[in-house]
């Protein structure tokens, strides 16, 4: 039902984090980018990207092992490029790769208010746990207790991103768990 991308949530909902700057690579100012996206191929077609709070222009893009090697026009030498280590790469929300119907980004799920099928508020989604078999939505109940919701069609009846809500039909033992 929901295939979630590991796109990190960005403090500003209008930006999507797609990577993090690692160490410099070689002597020509290339940087190792740790991809934080399911769509690594997107880097090959990019001309510019926000790195921290700077818009930078991409001169070259190569793929090396688990990294993307990017060289930025504004940081032509190794010593300058080193200053970018640790910064996040973001794109505008409207540049996020479109997903198929029924698929959602993790950052869109976090923050949704969870309701049961009777309309009772159960809590707010705080995190998405990747378990291997299916994701689990980790929510906080109004009384502060944790609520774990398996991301299964039988449980999650509706996800309304625009409306900020998720409707669930929890099994009895999950609903009453402390």
Protein backbone atom coordinates (compact mmCIF):
# COMPACT_ATOMS: atom_id res chain seq x y z
CA UNK A 1 0.00 0.00 0.00
CA UNK A 2 2.57 2.58 1.01
CA UNK A 3 6.09 2.57 -0.27
CA UNK A 4 7.91 5.17 1.69
CA UNK A 5 10.99 6.94 0.59
CA UNK A 6 13.65 7.69 3.17
CA UNK A 7 13.60 11.35 2.16
CA UNK A 8 14.31 13.12 5.38
CA UNK A 9 11.79 15.59 6.65
CA UNK A 10 13.07 19.12 6.38
CA UNK A 11 12.28 21.76 8.98
CA UNK A 12 10.64 23.79 6.24
CA UNK A 13 7.92 21.71 4.58
CA UNK A 14 8.66 23.42 1.24
CA UNK A 15 12.10 21.72 0.97
CA UNK A 16 12.93 18.04 0.66
CA UNK A 17 16.28 16.67 1.83
CA UNK A 18 17.86 14.40 -0.78
CA UNK A 19 21.41 13.99 0.52
CA UNK A 20 24.14 14.93 2.95
CA UNK A 21 27.64 16.14 2.14
CA UNK A 22 30.32 13.74 3.29
CA UNK A 23 34.07 14.06 2.84
CA UNK A 24 35.90 15.53 -0.12
CA UNK A 25 36.97 13.07 -2.81
CA UNK A 26 40.28 13.59 -4.57
CA UNK A 27 42.06 16.89 -5.15
CA UNK A 28 39.65 18.61 -7.56
CA UNK A 29 36.91 19.62 -5.13
CA UNK A 30 34.53 16.71 -5.67
CA UNK A 31 32.40 15.85 -2.66
CA UNK A 32 30.97 12.52 -1.57
CA UNK A 33 27.24 12.91 -1.22
CA UNK A 34 25.39 10.41 0.95
CA UNK A 35 22.06 9.95 -0.86
CA UNK A 36 18.95 10.21 1.33
CA UNK A 37 16.54 9.30 -1.45
CA UNK A 38 15.18 6.20 -3.16
CA UNK A 39 15.78 8.01 -6.46
CA UNK A 40 19.58 8.29 -6.63
CA UNK A 41 19.45 8.62 -10.43
CA UNK A 42 17.89 12.07 -9.96
CA UNK A 43 21.35 13.54 -9.23
CA UNK A 44 22.52 12.89 -12.82
CA UNK A 45 20.03 15.35 -14.30
CA UNK A 46 20.35 18.11 -11.73
CA UNK A 47 21.92 21.48 -12.60
CA UNK A 48 21.65 23.10 -9.16
CA UNK A 49 20.81 22.17 -5.59
CA UNK A 50 20.50 23.94 -2.27
CA UNK A 51 23.41 22.95 0.02
CA UNK A 52 22.70 24.26 3.50
CA UNK A 53 21.38 27.74 2.75
CA UNK A 54 23.34 28.23 -0.51
CA UNK A 55 22.08 27.51 -4.02
CA UNK A 56 25.00 25.77 -5.79
CA UNK A 57 25.52 24.87 -9.44
CA UNK A 58 26.57 21.30 -10.25
CA UNK A 59 29.56 21.06 -12.61
CA UNK A 60 29.84 17.28 -12.62
CA UNK A 61 28.09 14.22 -11.23
CA UNK A 62 29.52 10.70 -10.98
CA UNK A 63 28.42 7.61 -9.09
CA UNK A 64 31.06 5.87 -6.95
CA UNK A 65 30.19 2.93 -4.69
CA UNK A 66 27.33 4.03 -2.43
CA UNK A 67 28.10 7.74 -2.98
CA UNK A 68 27.27 10.39 -5.54
CA UNK A 69 30.30 12.54 -6.36
CA UNK A 70 29.34 16.14 -7.03
CA UNK A 71 31.54 19.08 -7.97
CA UNK A 72 30.10 22.55 -7.45
CA UNK A 73 31.07 25.55 -9.58
CA UNK A 74 31.18 27.81 -6.50
CA UNK A 75 33.71 25.53 -4.72
CA UNK A 76 36.36 24.72 -7.34
CA UNK A 77 39.14 23.46 -5.06
CA UNK A 78 39.39 20.82 -2.35
CA UNK A 79 40.10 23.25 0.49
CA UNK A 80 36.98 25.31 -0.29
CA UNK A 81 34.76 22.27 -0.84
CA UNK A 82 35.74 20.85 2.57
CA UNK A 83 33.66 23.63 4.19
CA UNK A 84 30.47 22.00 2.90
CA UNK A 85 30.97 18.73 4.83
CA UNK A 86 27.92 17.88 6.94
CA UNK A 87 25.48 20.16 5.11
CA UNK A 88 22.18 18.83 3.75
CA UNK A 89 21.20 18.95 0.09
CA UNK A 90 17.60 20.00 -0.50
CA UNK A 91 15.28 20.60 -3.42
CA UNK A 92 11.97 22.42 -3.61
CA UNK A 93 9.00 20.27 -2.54
CA UNK A 94 7.54 20.49 -6.05
CA UNK A 95 10.76 18.92 -7.41
CA UNK A 96 10.21 15.71 -5.41
CA UNK A 97 9.93 12.67 -7.65
CA UNK A 98 6.21 11.94 -8.17
CA UNK A 99 5.00 8.72 -6.55
CA UNK A 100 2.32 6.33 -7.70
CA UNK A 101 -1.13 6.51 -6.18
CA UNK A 102 -1.14 5.00 -2.70
CA UNK A 103 2.55 5.83 -2.16
CA UNK A 104 3.66 8.53 0.24
CA UNK A 105 6.87 10.13 1.34
CA UNK A 106 7.88 9.62 4.96
CA UNK A 107 7.94 13.38 5.53
CA UNK A 108 4.30 13.58 4.40
CA UNK A 109 3.20 10.88 6.89
CA UNK A 110 4.98 12.42 9.90
CA UNK A 111 2.70 14.95 11.57
CA UNK A 112 -0.60 13.41 10.44
CA UNK A 113 -3.32 13.20 13.09
CA UNK A 114 -4.51 9.61 13.53
CA UNK A 115 -8.20 8.81 13.98
CA UNK A 116 -10.04 5.53 14.40
CA UNK A 117 -12.94 4.65 12.09
CA UNK A 118 -15.41 6.19 14.58
CA UNK A 119 -13.62 9.55 14.31
CA UNK A 120 -11.89 9.46 17.70
CA UNK A 121 -8.47 11.10 17.71
CA UNK A 122 -5.78 8.55 18.62
CA UNK A 123 -2.63 10.65 18.32
CA UNK A 124 -0.08 12.15 15.94
CA UNK A 125 2.46 10.31 13.78
CA UNK A 126 5.99 11.13 15.00
CA UNK A 127 8.11 8.63 13.10
CA UNK A 128 8.07 5.87 10.50
CA UNK A 129 9.89 2.69 11.46
CA UNK A 130 11.19 0.45 8.69
CA UNK A 131 10.89 -3.13 9.88
CA UNK A 132 11.66 -4.97 6.66
CA UNK A 133 8.28 -6.62 6.17
CA UNK A 134 6.10 -3.53 6.50
CA UNK A 135 6.60 -0.05 7.86
CA UNK A 136 5.20 0.89 11.25
CA UNK A 137 3.84 4.36 12.01
CA UNK A 138 4.93 5.46 15.47
CA UNK A 139 2.35 7.83 16.94
CA UNK A 140 2.02 9.68 20.25
CA UNK A 141 -1.37 9.47 21.96
CA UNK A 142 -2.85 12.61 23.56
CA UNK A 143 -2.00 11.13 27.00
CA UNK A 144 1.67 10.74 25.95
CA UNK A 145 1.67 6.96 25.42
CA UNK A 146 3.13 5.48 22.25
CA UNK A 147 0.90 3.92 19.61
CA UNK A 148 2.39 1.63 16.93
CA UNK A 149 0.37 1.30 13.73
CA UNK A 150 1.35 -1.33 11.14
CA UNK A 151 1.33 0.18 7.64
CA UNK A 152 -1.02 -2.43 6.21
CA UNK A 153 -4.11 -1.95 4.05
CA UNK A 154 -6.15 -3.90 6.61
CA UNK A 155 -5.20 -1.37 9.30
CA UNK A 156 -4.63 1.98 7.56
CA UNK A 157 -7.94 2.78 5.89
CA UNK A 158 -7.23 6.28 4.64
CA UNK A 159 -4.32 8.68 4.33
CA UNK A 160 -5.29 12.26 3.54
CA UNK A 161 -2.08 14.28 3.24
CA UNK A 162 -3.86 17.52 2.32
CA UNK A 163 -6.29 17.11 5.22
CA UNK A 164 -3.50 16.10 7.63
CA UNK A 165 -5.26 12.92 8.74
CA UNK A 166 -4.94 9.15 8.80
CA UNK A 167 -7.84 6.82 9.57
CA UNK A 168 -7.00 3.44 11.06
CA UNK A 169 -8.88 0.31 12.07
CA UNK A 170 -6.66 -1.17 14.75
CA UNK A 171 -6.92 -4.77 15.93
CA UNK A 172 -8.27 -4.99 19.50
CA UNK A 173 -4.98 -6.06 21.12
CA UNK A 174 -3.07 -3.19 19.46
CA UNK A 175 -5.72 -0.63 20.37
CA UNK A 176 -5.71 -1.57 24.06
CA UNK A 177 -1.92 -1.96 24.39
CA UNK A 178 -0.12 0.26 26.87
